[in-house]
Amino acid sequence: MYCIDDKDFPCSTSLTMRYIGGKWKAVILLHLIEKKRYSELRRECPAITERTLSLQLKELEEDGLVTRTVHTDKAPLKVDYELTKFGKTLIPLLMSIADWGKETAASNNRIKMKNMV
């Protein structure tokens, strides 16, 4: 049994999913392997609504996986996001998930790759 913030997790998998679970967190984290501006994330993740992206980034920041830097030296305001040292520990897992998806798509006749614009 594992416990974070007084919430119990029955196994290490459920603990991991506490951090990266949901429809978009793993996708966002994968895009943040390299530091990105908020606007870059919006362009790279067009299927995520702006509200959802903002909420997920806030949760990832609260969990200590992502850091947010606001640049106030020039207008317009610029915000960068990047993985923390703790967040970078997820890179091998995120890459494995991405590789599994590519291999599954390549070997499964039901999955088709679409051209992305």
PDB file of N, CA and C in Angstrom:
ATOM      1  N   MET A   1       0.855  -1.175   0.000  1.00  0.00           N
ATOM      2  CA  MET A   1       0.000   0.000   0.000  1.00  0.00           C
ATOM      3  C   MET A   1       0.899   1.236   0.000  1.00  0.00           C
ATOM      4  N   TYR A   2       0.521   2.227  -0.807  1.00  0.00           N
ATOM      5  CA  TYR A   2       1.244   3.490  -0.896  1.00  0.00           C
ATOM      6  C   TYR A   2       0.294   4.618  -0.511  1.00  0.00           C
ATOM      7  N   CYS A   3       0.848   5.705  -0.028  1.00  0.00           N
ATOM      8  CA  CYS A   3       0.006   6.823   0.404  1.00  0.00           C
ATOM      9  C   CYS A   3       0.646   8.138  -0.030  1.00  0.00           C
ATOM     10  N   ILE A   4      -0.137   8.987  -0.704  1.00  0.00           N
ATOM     11  CA  ILE A   4       0.286  10.343  -1.057  1.00  0.00           C
ATOM     12  C   ILE A   4      -0.819  11.291  -0.626  1.00  0.00           C
ATOM     13  N   ASP A   5      -0.453  12.315   0.116  1.00  0.00           N
ATOM     14  CA  ASP A   5      -1.426  13.325   0.567  1.00  0.00           C
ATOM     15  C   ASP A   5      -2.661  12.672   1.179  1.00  0.00           C
ATOM     16  N   ASP A   6      -2.431  11.697   2.033  1.00  0.00           N
ATOM     17  CA  ASP A   6      -3.503  10.975   2.737  1.00  0.00           C
ATOM     18  C   ASP A   6      -4.417  10.160   1.828  1.00  0.00           C
ATOM     19  N   LYS A   7      -4.001   9.929   0.590  1.00  0.00           N
ATOM     20  CA  LYS A   7      -4.774   9.075  -0.309  1.00  0.00           C
ATOM     21  C   LYS A   7      -3.999   7.777  -0.505  1.00  0.00           C
ATOM     22  N   ASP A   8      -4.688   6.666  -0.324  1.00  0.00           N
ATOM     23  CA  ASP A   8      -4.050   5.354  -0.433  1.00  0.00           C
ATOM     24  C   ASP A   8      -4.112   4.820  -1.855  1.00  0.00           C
ATOM     25  N   PHE A   9      -3.039   4.143  -2.242  1.00  0.00           N
ATOM     26  CA  PHE A   9      -2.936   3.493  -3.547  1.00  0.00           C
ATOM     27  C   PHE A   9      -2.569   2.040  -3.307  1.00  0.00           C
ATOM     28  N   PRO A  10      -3.350   1.104  -3.846  1.00  0.00           N
ATOM     29  CA  PRO A  10      -3.130  -0.307  -3.555  1.00  0.00           C
ATOM     30  C   PRO A  10      -1.874  -0.908  -4.190  1.00  0.00           C
ATOM     31  N   CYS A  11      -1.343  -0.257  -5.250  1.00  0.00           N
ATOM     32  CA  CYS A  11      -0.176  -0.818  -5.920  1.00  0.00           C
ATOM     33  C   CYS A  11       0.623   0.294  -6.587  1.00  0.00           C
ATOM     34  N   SER A  12       1.820  -0.050  -7.027  1.00  0.00           N
ATOM     35  CA  SER A  12       2.686   0.957  -7.648  1.00  0.00           C
ATOM     36  C   SER A  12       2.124   1.446  -8.985  1.00  0.00           C
ATOM     37  N   THR A  13       1.368   0.601  -9.683  1.00  0.00           N
ATOM     38  CA  THR A  13       0.766   1.037 -10.950  1.00  0.00           C
ATOM     39  C   THR A  13      -0.262   2.129 -10.706  1.00  0.00           C
ATOM     40  N   SER A  14      -1.093   1.958  -9.706  1.00  0.00           N
ATOM     41  CA  SER A  14      -2.096   2.995  -9.421  1.00  0.00           C
ATOM     42  C   SER A  14      -1.416   4.279  -8.937  1.00  0.00           C
ATOM     43  N   LEU A  15      -0.296   4.149  -8.246  1.00  0.00           N
ATOM     44  CA  LEU A  15       0.474   5.317  -7.839  1.00  0.00           C
ATOM     45  C   LEU A  15       1.016   6.057  -9.061  1.00  0.00           C
ATOM     46  N   THR A  16       1.565   5.324 -10.018  1.00  0.00           N
ATOM     47  CA  THR A  16       2.076   5.926 -11.252  1.00  0.00           C
ATOM     48  C   THR A  16       0.959   6.625 -12.009  1.00  0.00           C
ATOM     49  N   MET A  17      -0.190   5.968 -12.122  1.00  0.00           N
ATOM     50  CA  MET A  17      -1.310   6.553 -12.850  1.00  0.00           C
ATOM     51  C   MET A  17      -1.859   7.791 -12.152  1.00  0.00           C
ATOM     52  N   ARG A  18      -1.643   7.909 -10.862  1.00  0.00           N
ATOM     53  CA  ARG A  18      -2.018   9.123 -10.126  1.00  0.00           C
ATOM     54  C   ARG A  18      -1.300  10.339 -10.732  1.00  0.00           C
ATOM     55  N   TYR A  19      -0.072  10.127 -11.187  1.00  0.00           N
ATOM     56  CA  TYR A  19       0.711  11.217 -11.759  1.00  0.00           C
ATOM     57  C   TYR A  19       0.469  11.419 -13.254  1.00  0.00           C
ATOM     58  N   ILE A  20       0.328  10.341 -14.015  1.00  0.00           N
ATOM     59  CA  ILE A  20       0.263  10.486 -15.473  1.00  0.00           C
ATOM     60  C   ILE A  20      -1.063  10.047 -16.077  1.00  0.00           C
ATOM     61  N   GLY A  21      -2.007   9.636 -15.235  1.00  0.00           N
ATOM     62  CA  GLY A  21      -3.280   9.137 -15.729  1.00  0.00           C
ATOM     63  C   GLY A  21      -4.137  10.231 -16.343  1.00  0.00           C
ATOM     64  N   GLY A  22      -5.154   9.804 -17.033  1.00  0.00           N
ATOM     65  CA  GLY A  22      -6.042  10.745 -17.705  1.00  0.00           C
ATOM     66  C   GLY A  22      -5.726  10.785 -19.183  1.00  0.00           C
ATOM     67  N   LYS A  23      -6.542  11.501 -19.902  1.00  0.00           N
ATOM     68  CA  LYS A  23      -6.443  11.520 -21.358  1.00  0.00           C
ATOM     69  C   LYS A  23      -5.233  12.285 -21.866  1.00  0.00           C
ATOM     70  N   TRP A  24      -4.767  13.326 -21.139  1.00  0.00           N
ATOM     71  CA  TRP A  24      -3.779  14.222 -21.725  1.00  0.00           C
ATOM     72  C   TRP A  24      -2.451  14.343 -20.995  1.00  0.00           C
ATOM     73  N   LYS A  25      -2.349  13.937 -19.748  1.00  0.00           N
ATOM     74  CA  LYS A  25      -1.116  14.193 -18.996  1.00  0.00           C
ATOM     75  C   LYS A  25       0.114  13.571 -19.641  1.00  0.00           C
ATOM     76  N   ALA A  26       0.033  12.319 -20.038  1.00  0.00           N
ATOM     77  CA  ALA A  26       1.201  11.675 -20.657  1.00  0.00           C
ATOM     78  C   ALA A  26       1.570  12.371 -21.971  1.00  0.00           C
ATOM     79  N   VAL A  27       0.571  12.798 -22.722  1.00  0.00           N
ATOM     80  CA  VAL A  27       0.816  13.504 -23.990  1.00  0.00           C
ATOM     81  C   VAL A  27       1.550  14.825 -23.717  1.00  0.00           C
ATOM     82  N   ILE A  28       1.067  15.571 -22.754  1.00  0.00           N
ATOM     83  CA  ILE A  28       1.695  16.845 -22.398  1.00  0.00           C
ATOM     84  C   ILE A  28       3.121  16.612 -21.923  1.00  0.00           C
ATOM     85  N   LEU A  29       3.305  15.642 -21.048  1.00  0.00           N
ATOM     86  CA  LEU A  29       4.644  15.352 -20.523  1.00  0.00           C
ATOM     87  C   LEU A  29       5.598  14.958 -21.649  1.00  0.00           C
ATOM     88  N   LEU A  30       5.131  14.170 -22.581  1.00  0.00           N
ATOM     89  CA  LEU A  30       5.975  13.761 -23.709  1.00  0.00           C
ATOM     90  C   LEU A  30       6.408  14.984 -24.527  1.00  0.00           C
ATOM     91  N   HIS A  31       5.494  15.912 -24.740  1.00  0.00           N
ATOM     92  CA  HIS A  31       5.839  17.135 -25.482  1.00  0.00           C
ATOM     93  C   HIS A  31       6.812  18.015 -24.700  1.00  0.00           C
ATOM     94  N   LEU A  32       6.815  17.872 -23.380  1.00  0.00           N
ATOM     95  CA  LEU A  32       7.685  18.708 -22.553  1.00  0.00           C
ATOM     96  C   LEU A  32       9.051  18.079 -22.289  1.00  0.00           C
ATOM     97  N   ILE A  33       9.387  17.029 -23.012  1.00  0.00           N
ATOM     98  CA  ILE A  33      10.749  16.499 -22.887  1.00  0.00           C
ATOM     99  C   ILE A  33      11.738  17.616 -23.222  1.00  0.00           C
ATOM    100  N   GLU A  34      11.320  18.487 -24.133  1.00  0.00           N
ATOM    101  CA  GLU A  34      12.071  19.714 -24.403  1.00  0.00           C
ATOM    102  C   GLU A  34      11.227  20.892 -23.920  1.00  0.00           C
ATOM    103  N   LYS A  35      11.876  21.892 -23.345  1.00  0.00           N
ATOM    104  CA  LYS A  35      11.167  23.068 -22.835  1.00  0.00           C
ATOM    105  C   LYS A  35      10.319  23.682 -23.941  1.00  0.00           C
ATOM    106  N   LYS A  36       9.110  24.091 -23.581  1.00  0.00           N
ATOM    107  CA  LYS A  36       8.181  24.666 -24.557  1.00  0.00           C
ATOM    108  C   LYS A  36       7.499  25.892 -23.975  1.00  0.00           C
ATOM    109  N   ARG A  37       7.176  26.800 -24.855  1.00  0.00           N
ATOM    110  CA  ARG A  37       6.303  27.905 -24.491  1.00  0.00           C
ATOM    111  C   ARG A  37       4.869  27.383 -24.535  1.00  0.00           C
ATOM    112  N   TYR A  38       3.994  28.062 -23.807  1.00  0.00           N
ATOM    113  CA  TYR A  38       2.591  27.661 -23.786  1.00  0.00           C
ATOM    114  C   TYR A  38       2.020  27.620 -25.198  1.00  0.00           C
ATOM    115  N   SER A  39       2.342  28.625 -26.001  1.00  0.00           N
ATOM    116  CA  SER A  39       1.817  28.691 -27.370  1.00  0.00           C
ATOM    117  C   SER A  39       2.304  27.511 -28.218  1.00  0.00           C
ATOM    118  N   GLU A  40       3.530  27.046 -27.980  1.00  0.00           N
ATOM    119  CA  GLU A  40       4.041  25.874 -28.704  1.00  0.00           C
ATOM    120  C   GLU A  40       3.251  24.623 -28.321  1.00  0.00           C
ATOM    121  N   LEU A  41       2.972  24.478 -27.043  1.00  0.00           N
ATOM    122  CA  LEU A  41       2.166  23.334 -26.600  1.00  0.00           C
ATOM    123  C   LEU A  41       0.786  23.359 -27.241  1.00  0.00           C
ATOM    124  N   ARG A  42       0.176  24.538 -27.309  1.00  0.00           N
ATOM    125  CA  ARG A  42      -1.147  24.663 -27.942  1.00  0.00           C
ATOM    126  C   ARG A  42      -1.091  24.210 -29.393  1.00  0.00           C
ATOM    127  N   ARG A  43      -0.042  24.604 -30.114  1.00  0.00           N
ATOM    128  CA  ARG A  43       0.093  24.214 -31.525  1.00  0.00           C
ATOM    129  C   ARG A  43       0.333  22.716 -31.662  1.00  0.00           C
ATOM    130  N   GLU A  44       1.159  22.156 -30.786  1.00  0.00           N
ATOM    131  CA  GLU A  44       1.517  20.737 -30.884  1.00  0.00           C
ATOM    132  C   GLU A  44       0.416  19.815 -30.376  1.00  0.00           C
ATOM    133  N   CYS A  45      -0.511  20.339 -29.617  1.00  0.00           N
ATOM    134  CA  CYS A  45      -1.603  19.536 -29.049  1.00  0.00           C
ATOM    135  C   CYS A  45      -2.948  20.173 -29.394  1.00  0.00           C
ATOM    136  N   PRO A  46      -3.288  20.261 -30.682  1.00  0.00           N
ATOM    137  CA  PRO A  46      -4.494  20.990 -31.073  1.00  0.00           C
ATOM    138  C   PRO A  46      -5.799  20.351 -30.595  1.00  0.00           C
ATOM    139  N   ALA A  47      -5.784  19.073 -30.263  1.00  0.00           N
ATOM    140  CA  ALA A  47      -7.010  18.412 -29.821  1.00  0.00           C
ATOM    141  C   ALA A  47      -7.356  18.737 -28.367  1.00  0.00           C
ATOM    142  N   ILE A  48      -6.407  19.280 -27.629  1.00  0.00           N
ATOM    143  CA  ILE A  48      -6.649  19.633 -26.230  1.00  0.00           C
ATOM    144  C   ILE A  48      -7.224  21.045 -26.186  1.00  0.00           C
ATOM    145  N   THR A  49      -8.319  21.215 -25.469  1.00  0.00           N
ATOM    146  CA  THR A  49      -8.871  22.557 -25.334  1.00  0.00           C
ATOM    147  C   THR A  49      -7.929  23.400 -24.487  1.00  0.00           C
ATOM    148  N   GLU A  50      -8.007  24.692 -24.661  1.00  0.00           N
ATOM    149  CA  GLU A  50      -7.137  25.594 -23.901  1.00  0.00           C
ATOM    150  C   GLU A  50      -7.375  25.442 -22.400  1.00  0.00           C
ATOM    151  N   ARG A  51      -8.617  25.310 -22.006  1.00  0.00           N
ATOM    152  CA  ARG A  51      -8.967  25.139 -20.585  1.00  0.00           C
ATOM    153  C   ARG A  51      -8.359  23.851 -20.032  1.00  0.00           C
ATOM    154  N   THR A  52      -8.501  22.763 -20.766  1.00  0.00           N
ATOM    155  CA  THR A  52      -7.967  21.480 -20.313  1.00  0.00           C
ATOM    156  C   THR A  52      -6.449  21.524 -20.223  1.00  0.00           C
ATOM    157  N   LEU A  53      -5.804  22.109 -21.225  1.00  0.00           N
ATOM    158  CA  LEU A  53      -4.351  22.221 -21.198  1.00  0.00           C
ATOM    159  C   LEU A  53      -3.902  23.001 -19.966  1.00  0.00           C
ATOM    160  N   SER A  54      -4.543  24.114 -19.704  1.00  0.00           N
ATOM    161  CA  SER A  54      -4.187  24.932 -18.539  1.00  0.00           C
ATOM    162  C   SER A  54      -4.377  24.165 -17.236  1.00  0.00           C
ATOM    163  N   LEU A  55      -5.494  23.469 -17.113  1.00  0.00           N
ATOM    164  CA  LEU A  55      -5.765  22.698 -15.894  1.00  0.00           C
ATOM    165  C   LEU A  55      -4.762  21.558 -15.712  1.00  0.00           C
ATOM    166  N   GLN A  56      -4.459  20.846 -16.794  1.00  0.00           N
ATOM    167  CA  GLN A  56      -3.517  19.734 -16.704  1.00  0.00           C
ATOM    168  C   GLN A  56      -2.115  20.230 -16.360  1.00  0.00           C
ATOM    169  N   LEU A  57      -1.706  21.341 -16.967  1.00  0.00           N
ATOM    170  CA  LEU A  57      -0.394  21.912 -16.646  1.00  0.00           C
ATOM    171  C   LEU A  57      -0.328  22.321 -15.172  1.00  0.00           C
ATOM    172  N   LYS A  58      -1.401  22.889 -14.670  1.00  0.00           N
ATOM    173  CA  LYS A  58      -1.445  23.291 -13.262  1.00  0.00           C
ATOM    174  C   LYS A  58      -1.312  22.069 -12.357  1.00  0.00           C
ATOM    175  N   GLU A  59      -2.017  20.982 -12.673  1.00  0.00           N
ATOM    176  CA  GLU A  59      -1.923  19.760 -11.879  1.00  0.00           C
ATOM    177  C   GLU A  59      -0.515  19.172 -11.949  1.00  0.00           C
ATOM    178  N   LEU A  60       0.071  19.159 -13.139  1.00  0.00           N
ATOM    179  CA  LEU A  60       1.429  18.626 -13.298  1.00  0.00           C
ATOM    180  C   LEU A  60       2.433  19.472 -12.516  1.00  0.00           C
ATOM    181  N   GLU A  61       2.203  20.772 -12.474  1.00  0.00           N
ATOM    182  CA  GLU A  61       3.069  21.656 -11.694  1.00  0.00           C
ATOM    183  C   GLU A  61       2.899  21.385 -10.195  1.00  0.00           C
ATOM    184  N   GLU A  62       1.662  21.247  -9.754  1.00  0.00           N
ATOM    185  CA  GLU A  62       1.385  20.956  -8.340  1.00  0.00           C
ATOM    186  C   GLU A  62       1.995  19.623  -7.914  1.00  0.00           C
ATOM    187  N   ASP A  63       2.039  18.666  -8.836  1.00  0.00           N
ATOM    188  CA  ASP A  63       2.615  17.354  -8.545  1.00  0.00           C
ATOM    189  C   ASP A  63       4.144  17.350  -8.613  1.00  0.00           C
ATOM    190  N   GLY A  64       4.732  18.474  -9.003  1.00  0.00           N
ATOM    191  CA  GLY A  64       6.184  18.578  -9.043  1.00  0.00           C
ATOM    192  C   GLY A  64       6.825  17.986 -10.282  1.00  0.00           C
ATOM    193  N   LEU A  65       6.017  17.723 -11.326  1.00  0.00           N
ATOM    194  CA  LEU A  65       6.548  17.144 -12.560  1.00  0.00           C
ATOM    195  C   LEU A  65       6.965  18.205 -13.571  1.00  0.00           C
ATOM    196  N   VAL A  66       6.342  19.373 -13.490  1.00  0.00           N
ATOM    197  CA  VAL A  66       6.553  20.443 -14.465  1.00  0.00           C
ATOM    198  C   VAL A  66       6.822  21.743 -13.711  1.00  0.00           C
ATOM    199  N   THR A  67       7.682  22.549 -14.271  1.00  0.00           N
ATOM    200  CA  THR A  67       7.908  23.878 -13.730  1.00  0.00           C
ATOM    201  C   THR A  67       7.461  24.920 -14.747  1.00  0.00           C
ATOM    202  N   ARG A  68       6.929  26.006 -14.235  1.00  0.00           N
ATOM    203  CA  ARG A  68       6.396  27.097 -15.059  1.00  0.00           C
ATOM    204  C   ARG A  68       7.235  28.340 -14.791  1.00  0.00           C
ATOM    205  N   THR A  69       7.731  28.951 -15.867  1.00  0.00           N
ATOM    206  CA  THR A  69       8.530  30.168 -15.736  1.00  0.00           C
ATOM    207  C   THR A  69       7.853  31.286 -16.521  1.00  0.00           C
ATOM    208  N   VAL A  70       7.571  32.384 -15.844  1.00  0.00           N
ATOM    209  CA  VAL A  70       6.939  33.532 -16.477  1.00  0.00           C
ATOM    210  C   VAL A  70       8.017  34.573 -16.758  1.00  0.00           C
ATOM    211  N   HIS A  71       8.094  35.004 -18.007  1.00  0.00           N
ATOM    212  CA  HIS A  71       9.039  36.038 -18.422  1.00  0.00           C
ATOM    213  C   HIS A  71       8.294  37.364 -18.507  1.00  0.00           C
ATOM    214  N   THR A  72       8.603  38.262 -17.585  1.00  0.00           N
ATOM    215  CA  THR A  72       7.884  39.537 -17.518  1.00  0.00           C
ATOM    216  C   THR A  72       8.695  40.693 -18.083  1.00  0.00           C
ATOM    217  N   ASP A  73       9.865  40.378 -18.659  1.00  0.00           N
ATOM    218  CA  ASP A  73      10.745  41.442 -19.131  1.00  0.00           C
ATOM    219  C   ASP A  73      10.233  42.147 -20.377  1.00  0.00           C
ATOM    220  N   LYS A  74       9.397  41.494 -21.151  1.00  0.00           N
ATOM    221  CA  LYS A  74       8.858  42.099 -22.366  1.00  0.00           C
ATOM    222  C   LYS A  74       7.375  41.781 -22.487  1.00  0.00           C
ATOM    223  N   ALA A  75       6.685  42.672 -23.179  1.00  0.00           N
ATOM    224  CA  ALA A  75       5.296  42.369 -23.520  1.00  0.00           C
ATOM    225  C   ALA A  75       5.310  41.767 -24.920  1.00  0.00           C
ATOM    226  N   PRO A  76       4.495  40.834 -25.244  1.00  0.00           N
ATOM    227  CA  PRO A  76       3.535  40.179 -24.368  1.00  0.00           C
ATOM    228  C   PRO A  76       4.222  39.195 -23.415  1.00  0.00           C
ATOM    229  N   LEU A  77       3.519  38.884 -22.364  1.00  0.00           N
ATOM    230  CA  LEU A  77       3.992  37.957 -21.349  1.00  0.00           C
ATOM    231  C   LEU A  77       4.298  36.600 -21.984  1.00  0.00           C
ATOM    232  N   LYS A  78       5.425  35.990 -21.620  1.00  0.00           N
ATOM    233  CA  LYS A  78       5.779  34.679 -22.151  1.00  0.00           C
ATOM    234  C   LYS A  78       5.923  33.702 -21.002  1.00  0.00           C
ATOM    235  N   VAL A  79       5.399  32.488 -21.205  1.00  0.00           N
ATOM    236  CA  VAL A  79       5.433  31.463 -20.182  1.00  0.00           C
ATOM    237  C   VAL A  79       6.065  30.208 -20.767  1.00  0.00           C
ATOM    238  N   ASP A  80       7.077  29.687 -20.072  1.00  0.00           N
ATOM    239  CA  ASP A  80       7.736  28.437 -20.464  1.00  0.00           C
ATOM    240  C   ASP A  80       7.345  27.334 -19.502  1.00  0.00           C
ATOM    241  N   TYR A  81       7.268  26.125 -20.033  1.00  0.00           N
ATOM    242  CA  TYR A  81       7.046  24.938 -19.216  1.00  0.00           C
ATOM    243  C   TYR A  81       8.152  23.948 -19.526  1.00  0.00           C
ATOM    244  N   GLU A  82       8.629  23.265 -18.485  1.00  0.00           N
ATOM    245  CA  GLU A  82       9.615  22.220 -18.695  1.00  0.00           C
ATOM    246  C   GLU A  82       9.502  21.198 -17.573  1.00  0.00           C
ATOM    247  N   LEU A  83      10.027  20.017 -17.843  1.00  0.00           N
ATOM    248  CA  LEU A  83      10.018  18.969 -16.838  1.00  0.00           C
ATOM    249  C   LEU A  83      10.994  19.309 -15.725  1.00  0.00           C
ATOM    250  N   THR A  84      10.609  19.002 -14.501  1.00  0.00           N
ATOM    251  CA  THR A  84      11.514  19.130 -13.369  1.00  0.00           C
ATOM    252  C   THR A  84      12.438  17.909 -13.364  1.00  0.00           C
ATOM    253  N   LYS A  85      13.361  17.882 -12.445  1.00  0.00           N
ATOM    254  CA  LYS A  85      14.230  16.705 -12.301  1.00  0.00           C
ATOM    255  C   LYS A  85      13.368  15.468 -12.036  1.00  0.00           C
ATOM    256  N   PHE A  86      12.374  15.618 -11.177  1.00  0.00           N
ATOM    257  CA  PHE A  86      11.435  14.530 -10.888  1.00  0.00           C
ATOM    258  C   PHE A  86      10.652  14.148 -12.143  1.00  0.00           C
ATOM    259  N   GLY A  87      10.196  15.134 -12.899  1.00  0.00           N
ATOM    260  CA  GLY A  87       9.456  14.878 -14.130  1.00  0.00           C
ATOM    261  C   GLY A  87      10.293  14.146 -15.160  1.00  0.00           C
ATOM    262  N   LYS A  88      11.586  14.456 -15.215  1.00  0.00           N
ATOM    263  CA  LYS A  88      12.475  13.801 -16.185  1.00  0.00           C
ATOM    264  C   LYS A  88      12.647  12.314 -15.899  1.00  0.00           C
ATOM    265  N   THR A  89      12.356  11.885 -14.681  1.00  0.00           N
ATOM    266  CA  THR A  89      12.433  10.443 -14.390  1.00  0.00           C
ATOM    267  C   THR A  89      11.370   9.671 -15.161  1.00  0.00           C
ATOM    268  N   LEU A  90      10.362  10.363 -15.675  1.00  0.00           N
ATOM    269  CA  LEU A  90       9.298   9.720 -16.456  1.00  0.00           C
ATOM    270  C   LEU A  90       9.657   9.527 -17.929  1.00  0.00           C
ATOM    271  N   ILE A  91      10.733  10.146 -18.405  1.00  0.00           N
ATOM    272  CA  ILE A  91      11.058  10.092 -19.832  1.00  0.00           C
ATOM    273  C   ILE A  91      11.157   8.663 -20.358  1.00  0.00           C
ATOM    274  N   PRO A  92      11.873   7.738 -19.698  1.00  0.00           N
ATOM    275  CA  PRO A  92      11.915   6.370 -20.237  1.00  0.00           C
ATOM    276  C   PRO A  92      10.522   5.729 -20.339  1.00  0.00           C
ATOM    277  N   LEU A  93       9.692   5.972 -19.361  1.00  0.00           N
ATOM    278  CA  LEU A  93       8.328   5.439 -19.382  1.00  0.00           C
ATOM    279  C   LEU A  93       7.520   6.048 -20.514  1.00  0.00           C
ATOM    280  N   LEU A  94       7.602   7.364 -20.681  1.00  0.00           N
ATOM    281  CA  LEU A  94       6.863   8.049 -21.748  1.00  0.00           C
ATOM    282  C   LEU A  94       7.325   7.581 -23.123  1.00  0.00           C
ATOM    283  N   MET A  95       8.630   7.410 -23.286  1.00  0.00           N
ATOM    284  CA  MET A  95       9.162   6.930 -24.566  1.00  0.00           C
ATOM    285  C   MET A  95       8.693   5.495 -24.840  1.00  0.00           C
ATOM    286  N   SER A  96       8.652   4.672 -23.812  1.00  0.00           N
ATOM    287  CA  SER A  96       8.164   3.294 -23.979  1.00  0.00           C
ATOM    288  C   SER A  96       6.699   3.270 -24.386  1.00  0.00           C
ATOM    289  N   ILE A  97       5.907   4.143 -23.782  1.00  0.00           N
ATOM    290  CA  ILE A  97       4.488   4.237 -24.145  1.00  0.00           C
ATOM    291  C   ILE A  97       4.351   4.667 -25.604  1.00  0.00           C
ATOM    292  N   ALA A  98       5.121   5.667 -26.018  1.00  0.00           N
ATOM    293  CA  ALA A  98       5.072   6.152 -27.406  1.00  0.00           C
ATOM    294  C   ALA A  98       5.523   5.059 -28.377  1.00  0.00           C
ATOM    295  N   ASP A  99       6.602   4.352 -28.030  1.00  0.00           N
ATOM    296  CA  ASP A  99       7.097   3.266 -28.885  1.00  0.00           C
ATOM    297  C   ASP A  99       6.076   2.150 -29.003  1.00  0.00           C
ATOM    298  N   TRP A 100       5.431   1.803 -27.900  1.00  0.00           N
ATOM    299  CA  TRP A 100       4.406   0.758 -27.929  1.00  0.00           C
ATOM    300  C   TRP A 100       3.278   1.161 -28.875  1.00  0.00           C
ATOM    301  N   GLY A 101       2.868   2.423 -28.814  1.00  0.00           N
ATOM    302  CA  GLY A 101       1.813   2.912 -29.706  1.00  0.00           C
ATOM    303  C   GLY A 101       2.216   2.813 -31.167  1.00  0.00           C
ATOM    304  N   LYS A 102       3.459   3.191 -31.487  1.00  0.00           N
ATOM    305  CA  LYS A 102       3.940   3.106 -32.868  1.00  0.00           C
ATOM    306  C   LYS A 102       3.985   1.659 -33.342  1.00  0.00           C
ATOM    307  N   GLU A 103       4.504   0.769 -32.501  1.00  0.00           N
ATOM    308  CA  GLU A 103       4.591  -0.651 -32.871  1.00  0.00           C
ATOM    309  C   GLU A 103       3.207  -1.262 -33.043  1.00  0.00           C
ATOM    310  N   THR A 104       2.297  -0.896 -32.171  1.00  0.00           N
ATOM    311  CA  THR A 104       0.933  -1.412 -32.252  1.00  0.00           C
ATOM    312  C   THR A 104       0.251  -0.919 -33.531  1.00  0.00           C
ATOM    313  N   ALA A 105       0.449   0.354 -33.839  1.00  0.00           N
ATOM    314  CA  ALA A 105      -0.142   0.907 -35.065  1.00  0.00           C
ATOM    315  C   ALA A 105       0.428   0.220 -36.298  1.00  0.00           C
ATOM    316  N   ALA A 106       1.723  -0.059 -36.288  1.00  0.00           N
ATOM    317  CA  ALA A 106       2.373  -0.685 -37.444  1.00  0.00           C
ATOM    318  C   ALA A 106       1.947  -2.137 -37.627  1.00  0.00           C
ATOM    319  N   SER A 107       1.617  -2.821 -36.543  1.00  0.00           N
ATOM    320  CA  SER A 107       1.323  -4.252 -36.644  1.00  0.00           C
ATOM    321  C   SER A 107      -0.163  -4.590 -36.585  1.00  0.00           C
ATOM    322  N   ASN A 108      -1.009  -3.602 -36.422  1.00  0.00           N
ATOM    323  CA  ASN A 108      -2.436  -3.855 -36.274  1.00  0.00           C
ATOM    324  C   ASN A 108      -3.178  -3.279 -37.483  1.00  0.00           C
ATOM    325  N   ASN A 109      -3.801  -4.122 -38.240  1.00  0.00           N
ATOM    326  CA  ASN A 109      -4.494  -3.704 -39.458  1.00  0.00           C
ATOM    327  C   ASN A 109      -5.668  -2.763 -39.197  1.00  0.00           C
ATOM    328  N   ARG A 110      -6.203  -2.765 -37.994  1.00  0.00           N
ATOM    329  CA  ARG A 110      -7.349  -1.899 -37.694  1.00  0.00           C
ATOM    330  C   ARG A 110      -6.936  -0.453 -37.453  1.00  0.00           C
ATOM    331  N   ILE A 111      -5.659  -0.226 -37.151  1.00  0.00           N
ATOM    332  CA  ILE A 111      -5.179   1.125 -36.841  1.00  0.00           C
ATOM    333  C   ILE A 111      -4.555   1.723 -38.090  1.00  0.00           C
ATOM    334  N   LYS A 112      -5.020   2.880 -38.470  1.00  0.00           N
ATOM    335  CA  LYS A 112      -4.503   3.568 -39.651  1.00  0.00           C
ATOM    336  C   LYS A 112      -3.841   4.869 -39.211  1.00  0.00           C
ATOM    337  N   MET A 113      -2.722   5.191 -39.829  1.00  0.00           N
ATOM    338  CA  MET A 113      -2.053   6.466 -39.585  1.00  0.00           C
ATOM    339  C   MET A 113      -2.695   7.502 -40.509  1.00  0.00           C
ATOM    340  N   LYS A 114      -3.019   8.671 -39.970  1.00  0.00           N
ATOM    341  CA  LYS A 114      -3.563   9.757 -40.766  1.00  0.00           C
ATOM    342  C   LYS A 114      -2.496  10.814 -40.934  1.00  0.00           C
ATOM    343  N   ASN A 115      -2.533  11.482 -42.057  1.00  0.00           N
ATOM    344  CA  ASN A 115      -1.599  12.594 -42.267  1.00  0.00           C
ATOM    345  C   ASN A 115      -2.014  13.739 -41.372  1.00  0.00           C
ATOM    346  N   MET A 116      -1.047  14.277 -40.641  1.00  0.00           N
ATOM    347  CA  MET A 116      -1.292  15.414 -39.771  1.00  0.00           C
ATOM    348  C   MET A 116      -0.839  16.673 -40.483  1.00  0.00           C
ATOM    349  N   VAL A 117      -1.650  17.691 -40.377  1.00  0.00           N
ATOM    350  CA  VAL A 117      -1.316  18.959 -41.020  1.00  0.00           C
ATOM    351  C   VAL A 117      -0.515  19.805 -40.063  1.00  0.00           C
TER     352      VAL A 117
END
